[in-house]
Amino acid sequence: MKLHHPYQYNNQYLHRSCTGLASAHPLDYHLKVLNSKGDRNQVFSDYVSYQFDFIFEPAYFGTITWFPFVYQFEDAEKESRHFRNKLIAAILGCGAGRIPQLPHRPRIIFFQEVKSVIINPRSRNPKWKQAFHTHFHLEDWNAASDIHHLNRLVQTQVRPRFHRLQREDTEENKAIVIKPWNREHHASYNVKDFYSRQDCQDGDLVIDYQNSDLG
């Protein structure tokens, strides 16, 4: 498999990403052994599980459906960075330029996934294209300990003037959906996308390393 994207998953980048792990850390050794055996599915699954078992347990799971659609990973990454900064600033009640470093803010992990969407829904000859949508796992924080309050922050402080979140919501199709994080349903939710895409050119582009607080 060819790796054309600088953020794609590979052993070298994975261990460079795990800045919180010492070289002798048990997880680091375990991932190296699995990767040396070519068991990339298990490597990815273990790496994701480690985040939620030992780094932090999220309180919220969110899904963002961008519109206009996003067709490139780099664009999904850019929109997610903007969303992250606005969201954390809203939670902390500070300006986007004054967001503190960890541990003085909530952790968040982003996953970029793809699915087929109809790009001309009013046409008699519908055309489909692969577009990115985004999932995020957000840590609990005193300022957003209530999901209703968090949703109000998103609607009143994050969505306004955010170009790709401006479309009108319908009951079946909302730009942002945030739910309480459920370990059974959400801890391995994004692993399935890695399994389905691992043989594609962009199969590794699942974790958004640049925007995520990985341990």
C-alpha atoms as a PDB file:
ATOM      1  CA  MET A   1       0.000   0.000   0.000  1.00  0.00           C
ATOM      2  CA  LYS A   2       1.389   3.407  -0.969  1.00  0.00           C
ATOM      3  CA  LEU A   3       1.389   6.155   1.622  1.00  0.00           C
ATOM      4  CA  HIS A   4       0.853   9.468  -0.152  1.00  0.00           C
ATOM      5  CA  HIS A   5      -0.375  11.628   2.706  1.00  0.00           C
ATOM      6  CA  PRO A   6       1.976  13.025   5.398  1.00  0.00           C
ATOM      7  CA  TYR A   7      -0.491  12.243   8.197  1.00  0.00           C
ATOM      8  CA  GLN A   8      -1.152   8.686   7.147  1.00  0.00           C
ATOM      9  CA  TYR A   9      -0.834   5.972   9.708  1.00  0.00           C
ATOM     10  CA  ASN A  10       2.437   4.089   9.718  1.00  0.00           C
ATOM     11  CA  ASN A  11       4.686   2.791  12.450  1.00  0.00           C
ATOM     12  CA  GLN A  12       7.107   5.710  12.310  1.00  0.00           C
ATOM     13  CA  TYR A  13       4.424   8.359  12.443  1.00  0.00           C
ATOM     14  CA  LEU A  14       2.414   6.536  15.091  1.00  0.00           C
ATOM     15  CA  HIS A  15       5.314   6.503  17.527  1.00  0.00           C
ATOM     16  CA  ARG A  16       6.219  10.081  16.664  1.00  0.00           C
ATOM     17  CA  SER A  17       2.597  10.982  17.439  1.00  0.00           C
ATOM     18  CA  CYS A  18       2.603   9.286  20.832  1.00  0.00           C
ATOM     19  CA  THR A  19       4.521  12.140  22.418  1.00  0.00           C
ATOM     20  CA  GLY A  20       3.256  11.134  25.834  1.00  0.00           C
ATOM     21  CA  LEU A  21       4.802   7.666  25.629  1.00  0.00           C
ATOM     22  CA  ALA A  22       8.341   6.920  26.645  1.00  0.00           C
ATOM     23  CA  SER A  23      10.223   4.559  24.346  1.00  0.00           C
ATOM     24  CA  ALA A  24      10.041   1.857  27.023  1.00  0.00           C
ATOM     25  CA  HIS A  25       6.294   2.259  27.563  1.00  0.00           C
ATOM     26  CA  PRO A  26       4.454  -1.116  27.430  1.00  0.00           C
ATOM     27  CA  LEU A  27       2.008   0.153  24.796  1.00  0.00           C
ATOM     28  CA  ASP A  28       4.858   1.359  22.604  1.00  0.00           C
ATOM     29  CA  TYR A  29       6.437  -2.100  22.709  1.00  0.00           C
ATOM     30  CA  HIS A  30       3.094  -3.832  22.099  1.00  0.00           C
ATOM     31  CA  LEU A  31       2.331  -1.700  19.032  1.00  0.00           C
ATOM     32  CA  LYS A  32       5.786  -2.308  17.589  1.00  0.00           C
ATOM     33  CA  VAL A  33       5.386  -6.077  17.978  1.00  0.00           C
ATOM     34  CA  LEU A  34       1.946  -6.084  16.366  1.00  0.00           C
ATOM     35  CA  ASN A  35       3.065  -3.857  13.529  1.00  0.00           C
ATOM     36  CA  SER A  36       6.119  -6.022  12.876  1.00  0.00           C
ATOM     37  CA  LYS A  37       3.720  -8.947  12.400  1.00  0.00           C
ATOM     38  CA  GLY A  38       1.699  -6.949   9.899  1.00  0.00           C
ATOM     39  CA  ASP A  39      -1.398  -6.924  12.124  1.00  0.00           C
ATOM     40  CA  ARG A  40      -2.326  -3.336  11.319  1.00  0.00           C
ATOM     41  CA  ASN A  41      -5.985  -3.824  12.281  1.00  0.00           C
ATOM     42  CA  GLN A  42      -5.032  -4.785  15.809  1.00  0.00           C
ATOM     43  CA  VAL A  43      -2.423  -2.025  16.016  1.00  0.00           C
ATOM     44  CA  PHE A  44      -4.990   0.616  15.163  1.00  0.00           C
ATOM     45  CA  SER A  45      -7.631  -0.880  17.456  1.00  0.00           C
ATOM     46  CA  ASP A  46      -5.208  -1.067  20.385  1.00  0.00           C
ATOM     47  CA  TYR A  47      -3.997   2.480  19.820  1.00  0.00           C
ATOM     48  CA  VAL A  48      -7.550   3.860  19.860  1.00  0.00           C
ATOM     49  CA  SER A  49      -8.493   1.747  22.883  1.00  0.00           C
ATOM     50  CA  TYR A  50      -5.465   3.033  24.770  1.00  0.00           C
ATOM     51  CA  GLN A  51      -6.673   6.619  24.396  1.00  0.00           C
ATOM     52  CA  PHE A  52     -10.020   5.896  26.045  1.00  0.00           C
ATOM     53  CA  ASP A  53      -8.745   3.383  28.615  1.00  0.00           C
ATOM     54  CA  PHE A  54      -5.731   5.285  29.916  1.00  0.00           C
ATOM     55  CA  ILE A  55      -5.600   8.866  28.589  1.00  0.00           C
ATOM     56  CA  PHE A  56      -9.156  10.071  29.134  1.00  0.00           C
ATOM     57  CA  GLU A  57     -12.720   8.830  29.017  1.00  0.00           C
ATOM     58  CA  PRO A  58     -14.834  11.127  26.840  1.00  0.00           C
ATOM     59  CA  ALA A  59     -18.149  12.514  28.011  1.00  0.00           C
ATOM     60  CA  TYR A  60     -19.532  13.384  24.574  1.00  0.00           C
ATOM     61  CA  PHE A  61     -19.529  11.913  21.079  1.00  0.00           C
ATOM     62  CA  GLY A  62     -20.215  14.257  18.191  1.00  0.00           C
ATOM     63  CA  THR A  63     -20.852  13.946  14.461  1.00  0.00           C
ATOM     64  CA  ILE A  64     -20.355  16.837  12.041  1.00  0.00           C
ATOM     65  CA  THR A  65     -21.787  16.755   8.523  1.00  0.00           C
ATOM     66  CA  TRP A  66     -20.095  19.459   6.476  1.00  0.00           C
ATOM     67  CA  PHE A  67     -21.938  21.370   3.784  1.00  0.00           C
ATOM     68  CA  PRO A  68     -20.872  22.248   1.176  1.00  0.00           C
ATOM     69  CA  PHE A  69     -19.420  18.754   1.147  1.00  0.00           C
ATOM     70  CA  VAL A  70     -15.750  18.162   1.925  1.00  0.00           C
ATOM     71  CA  TYR A  71     -13.946  15.890  -0.526  1.00  0.00           C
ATOM     72  CA  GLN A  72     -10.307  16.130   0.629  1.00  0.00           C
ATOM     73  CA  PHE A  73      -8.780  15.066   3.933  1.00  0.00           C
ATOM     74  CA  GLU A  74      -6.857  18.326   4.169  1.00  0.00           C
ATOM     75  CA  ASP A  75     -10.095  20.303   3.962  1.00  0.00           C
ATOM     76  CA  ALA A  76     -11.777  18.152   6.612  1.00  0.00           C
ATOM     77  CA  GLU A  77      -8.739  18.686   8.800  1.00  0.00           C
ATOM     78  CA  LYS A  78      -8.898  22.453   8.258  1.00  0.00           C
ATOM     79  CA  GLU A  79     -12.612  22.665   9.078  1.00  0.00           C
ATOM     80  CA  SER A  80     -12.121  20.487  12.162  1.00  0.00           C
ATOM     81  CA  ARG A  81      -9.326  22.746  13.420  1.00  0.00           C
ATOM     82  CA  HIS A  82     -11.608  25.760  13.104  1.00  0.00           C
ATOM     83  CA  PHE A  83     -14.431  23.878  14.847  1.00  0.00           C
ATOM     84  CA  ARG A  84     -12.129  22.693  17.653  1.00  0.00           C
ATOM     85  CA  ASN A  85     -10.867  26.197  18.367  1.00  0.00           C
ATOM     86  CA  LYS A  86     -14.352  27.707  18.407  1.00  0.00           C
ATOM     87  CA  LEU A  87     -15.763  24.880  20.545  1.00  0.00           C
ATOM     88  CA  ILE A  88     -13.034  24.923  23.189  1.00  0.00           C
ATOM     89  CA  ALA A  89     -13.079  28.728  23.298  1.00  0.00           C
ATOM     90  CA  ALA A  90     -16.853  28.604  23.853  1.00  0.00           C
ATOM     91  CA  ILE A  91     -16.528  25.996  26.615  1.00  0.00           C
ATOM     92  CA  LEU A  92     -13.824  27.953  28.427  1.00  0.00           C
ATOM     93  CA  GLY A  93     -15.322  31.375  27.744  1.00  0.00           C
ATOM     94  CA  CYS A  94     -12.128  32.725  26.212  1.00  0.00           C
ATOM     95  CA  GLY A  95     -10.992  34.019  22.847  1.00  0.00           C
ATOM     96  CA  ALA A  96      -9.780  31.546  20.226  1.00  0.00           C
ATOM     97  CA  GLY A  97      -6.307  33.024  20.513  1.00  0.00           C
ATOM     98  CA  ARG A  98      -6.183  32.472  24.270  1.00  0.00           C
ATOM     99  CA  ILE A  99      -6.956  28.735  24.439  1.00  0.00           C
ATOM    100  CA  PRO A 100      -4.663  27.209  27.078  1.00  0.00           C
ATOM    101  CA  GLN A 101      -2.559  24.114  26.675  1.00  0.00           C
ATOM    102  CA  LEU A 102      -3.388  20.784  28.277  1.00  0.00           C
ATOM    103  CA  PRO A 103      -4.283  20.017  31.030  1.00  0.00           C
ATOM    104  CA  HIS A 104      -6.061  23.358  31.361  1.00  0.00           C
ATOM    105  CA  ARG A 105      -8.664  22.563  28.718  1.00  0.00           C
ATOM    106  CA  PRO A 106     -10.724  19.516  27.675  1.00  0.00           C
ATOM    107  CA  ARG A 107      -9.153  16.886  25.479  1.00  0.00           C
ATOM    108  CA  ILE A 108     -10.699  16.083  22.122  1.00  0.00           C
ATOM    109  CA  ILE A 109      -9.980  13.448  19.452  1.00  0.00           C
ATOM    110  CA  PHE A 110     -11.150  13.756  15.845  1.00  0.00           C
ATOM    111  CA  PHE A 111     -11.763  11.043  13.279  1.00  0.00           C
ATOM    112  CA  GLN A 112     -12.337  11.811   9.591  1.00  0.00           C
ATOM    113  CA  GLU A 113     -14.577   9.302   7.823  1.00  0.00           C
ATOM    114  CA  VAL A 114     -15.952   9.021   4.304  1.00  0.00           C
ATOM    115  CA  LYS A 115     -19.272   7.957   2.867  1.00  0.00           C
ATOM    116  CA  SER A 116     -21.052   8.267  -0.476  1.00  0.00           C
ATOM    117  CA  VAL A 117     -23.289  11.309  -0.840  1.00  0.00           C
ATOM    118  CA  ILE A 118     -25.575  12.537  -3.623  1.00  0.00           C
ATOM    119  CA  ILE A 119     -24.148  15.783  -4.928  1.00  0.00           C
ATOM    120  CA  ASN A 120     -27.156  16.693  -7.121  1.00  0.00           C
ATOM    121  CA  PRO A 121     -30.216  15.545  -5.122  1.00  0.00           C
ATOM    122  CA  ARG A 122     -32.718  17.378  -7.344  1.00  0.00           C
ATOM    123  CA  SER A 123     -31.508  15.796 -10.551  1.00  0.00           C
ATOM    124  CA  ARG A 124     -33.224  12.859 -12.247  1.00  0.00           C
ATOM    125  CA  ASN A 125     -29.749  11.394 -12.723  1.00  0.00           C
ATOM    126  CA  PRO A 126     -28.217  11.490  -9.259  1.00  0.00           C
ATOM    127  CA  LYS A 127     -24.441  11.544  -8.975  1.00  0.00           C
ATOM    128  CA  TRP A 128     -22.621  10.085  -6.001  1.00  0.00           C
ATOM    129  CA  LYS A 129     -19.259  11.106  -4.598  1.00  0.00           C
ATOM    130  CA  GLN A 130     -17.174  10.198  -1.554  1.00  0.00           C
ATOM    131  CA  ALA A 131     -17.296  12.997   1.030  1.00  0.00           C
ATOM    132  CA  PHE A 132     -15.818  13.384   4.494  1.00  0.00           C
ATOM    133  CA  HIS A 133     -17.776  13.756   7.694  1.00  0.00           C
ATOM    134  CA  THR A 134     -16.215  14.134  11.134  1.00  0.00           C
ATOM    135  CA  HIS A 135     -16.598  12.453  14.511  1.00  0.00           C
ATOM    136  CA  PHE A 136     -15.159  13.781  17.742  1.00  0.00           C
ATOM    137  CA  HIS A 137     -14.785  12.448  21.280  1.00  0.00           C
ATOM    138  CA  LEU A 138     -14.802  15.248  23.870  1.00  0.00           C
ATOM    139  CA  GLU A 139     -13.693  15.183  27.490  1.00  0.00           C
ATOM    140  CA  ASP A 140     -16.001  16.359  30.251  1.00  0.00           C
ATOM    141  CA  TRP A 141     -15.395  19.855  31.589  1.00  0.00           C
ATOM    142  CA  ASN A 142     -17.110  21.815  34.335  1.00  0.00           C
ATOM    143  CA  ALA A 143     -18.245  24.509  31.921  1.00  0.00           C
ATOM    144  CA  ALA A 144     -19.931  21.926  29.670  1.00  0.00           C
ATOM    145  CA  SER A 145     -20.954  19.191  32.087  1.00  0.00           C
ATOM    146  CA  ASP A 146     -24.531  19.311  30.837  1.00  0.00           C
ATOM    147  CA  ILE A 147     -25.157  18.137  27.277  1.00  0.00           C
ATOM    148  CA  HIS A 148     -27.973  20.639  26.815  1.00  0.00           C
ATOM    149  CA  HIS A 149     -25.645  23.473  27.772  1.00  0.00           C
ATOM    150  CA  LEU A 150     -22.994  22.114  25.414  1.00  0.00           C
ATOM    151  CA  ASN A 151     -25.495  22.003  22.558  1.00  0.00           C
ATOM    152  CA  ARG A 152     -26.517  25.586  23.301  1.00  0.00           C
ATOM    153  CA  LEU A 153     -22.879  26.664  23.125  1.00  0.00           C
ATOM    154  CA  VAL A 154     -22.508  24.935  19.758  1.00  0.00           C
ATOM    155  CA  GLN A 155     -25.658  26.517  18.336  1.00  0.00           C
ATOM    156  CA  THR A 156     -25.037  30.032  19.652  1.00  0.00           C
ATOM    157  CA  GLN A 157     -21.249  30.387  19.640  1.00  0.00           C
ATOM    158  CA  VAL A 158     -19.787  27.809  17.254  1.00  0.00           C
ATOM    159  CA  ARG A 159     -22.179  27.617  14.292  1.00  0.00           C
ATOM    160  CA  PRO A 160     -22.731  31.358  13.660  1.00  0.00           C
ATOM    161  CA  ARG A 161     -20.482  32.614  10.844  1.00  0.00           C
ATOM    162  CA  PHE A 162     -19.117  29.077  10.327  1.00  0.00           C
ATOM    163  CA  HIS A 163     -19.530  28.648   6.569  1.00  0.00           C
ATOM    164  CA  ARG A 164     -19.864  24.859   6.419  1.00  0.00           C
ATOM    165  CA  LEU A 165     -22.303  24.740   9.341  1.00  0.00           C
ATOM    166  CA  GLN A 166     -24.777  27.297   8.003  1.00  0.00           C
ATOM    167  CA  ARG A 167     -27.319  25.029   6.358  1.00  0.00           C
ATOM    168  CA  GLU A 168     -30.717  24.704   7.976  1.00  0.00           C
ATOM    169  CA  ASP A 169     -31.208  21.585  10.088  1.00  0.00           C
ATOM    170  CA  THR A 170     -33.993  19.111   9.469  1.00  0.00           C
ATOM    171  CA  GLU A 171     -35.216  16.386  11.792  1.00  0.00           C
ATOM    172  CA  GLU A 172     -33.385  13.753   9.720  1.00  0.00           C
ATOM    173  CA  ASN A 173     -30.309  15.745   8.768  1.00  0.00           C
ATOM    174  CA  LYS A 174     -28.512  17.939  11.296  1.00  0.00           C
ATOM    175  CA  ALA A 175     -25.156  19.633  10.826  1.00  0.00           C
ATOM    176  CA  ILE A 176     -23.983  18.665  14.325  1.00  0.00           C
ATOM    177  CA  VAL A 177     -25.247  15.899  16.587  1.00  0.00           C
ATOM    178  CA  ILE A 178     -23.800  15.508  20.088  1.00  0.00           C
ATOM    179  CA  LYS A 179     -24.649  12.574  22.342  1.00  0.00           C
ATOM    180  CA  PRO A 180     -23.467  11.345  25.719  1.00  0.00           C
ATOM    181  CA  TRP A 181     -20.426   9.141  25.194  1.00  0.00           C
ATOM    182  CA  ASN A 182     -21.221   5.454  25.601  1.00  0.00           C
ATOM    183  CA  ARG A 183     -18.255   3.103  25.879  1.00  0.00           C
ATOM    184  CA  GLU A 184     -20.087   0.154  24.360  1.00  0.00           C
ATOM    185  CA  HIS A 185     -21.130   2.074  21.257  1.00  0.00           C
ATOM    186  CA  HIS A 186     -18.462   4.736  20.840  1.00  0.00           C
ATOM    187  CA  ALA A 187     -15.110   3.396  22.089  1.00  0.00           C
ATOM    188  CA  SER A 188     -14.577   1.356  18.910  1.00  0.00           C
ATOM    189  CA  TYR A 189     -16.981   3.270  16.663  1.00  0.00           C
ATOM    190  CA  ASN A 190     -14.262   4.647  14.392  1.00  0.00           C
ATOM    191  CA  VAL A 191     -12.245   1.444  14.153  1.00  0.00           C
ATOM    192  CA  LYS A 192     -14.686  -0.017  11.619  1.00  0.00           C
ATOM    193  CA  ASP A 193     -13.879   2.772   9.163  1.00  0.00           C
ATOM    194  CA  PHE A 194     -10.176   1.947   9.332  1.00  0.00           C
ATOM    195  CA  TYR A 195     -10.952  -1.705   8.593  1.00  0.00           C
ATOM    196  CA  SER A 196     -13.063  -0.823   5.566  1.00  0.00           C
ATOM    197  CA  ARG A 197     -10.550   1.650   4.116  1.00  0.00           C
ATOM    198  CA  GLN A 198      -7.200   0.060   4.923  1.00  0.00           C
ATOM    199  CA  ASP A 199      -6.756  -1.290   1.388  1.00  0.00           C
ATOM    200  CA  CYS A 200      -7.532   2.054  -0.245  1.00  0.00           C
ATOM    201  CA  GLN A 201      -4.982   4.727  -1.023  1.00  0.00           C
ATOM    202  CA  ASP A 202      -6.425   6.858   1.767  1.00  0.00           C
ATOM    203  CA  GLY A 203      -7.247   3.918   3.986  1.00  0.00           C
ATOM    204  CA  ASP A 204      -5.127   5.186   6.838  1.00  0.00           C
ATOM    205  CA  LEU A 205      -6.725   8.604   7.013  1.00  0.00           C
ATOM    206  CA  VAL A 206      -9.007   7.974   9.942  1.00  0.00           C
ATOM    207  CA  ILE A 207      -7.496   9.594  13.031  1.00  0.00           C
ATOM    208  CA  ASP A 208      -6.951  13.307  12.549  1.00  0.00           C
ATOM    209  CA  TYR A 209      -3.561  13.413  14.268  1.00  0.00           C
ATOM    210  CA  GLN A 210      -3.080  17.133  13.817  1.00  0.00           C
ATOM    211  CA  ASN A 211      -6.242  18.151  15.671  1.00  0.00           C
ATOM    212  CA  SER A 212      -6.373  15.396  18.288  1.00  0.00           C
ATOM    213  CA  ASP A 213      -5.057  15.298  21.840  1.00  0.00           C
ATOM    214  CA  LEU A 214      -3.456  11.860  21.672  1.00  0.00           C
ATOM    215  CA  GLY A 215      -1.550  10.279  24.497  1.00  0.00           C
END
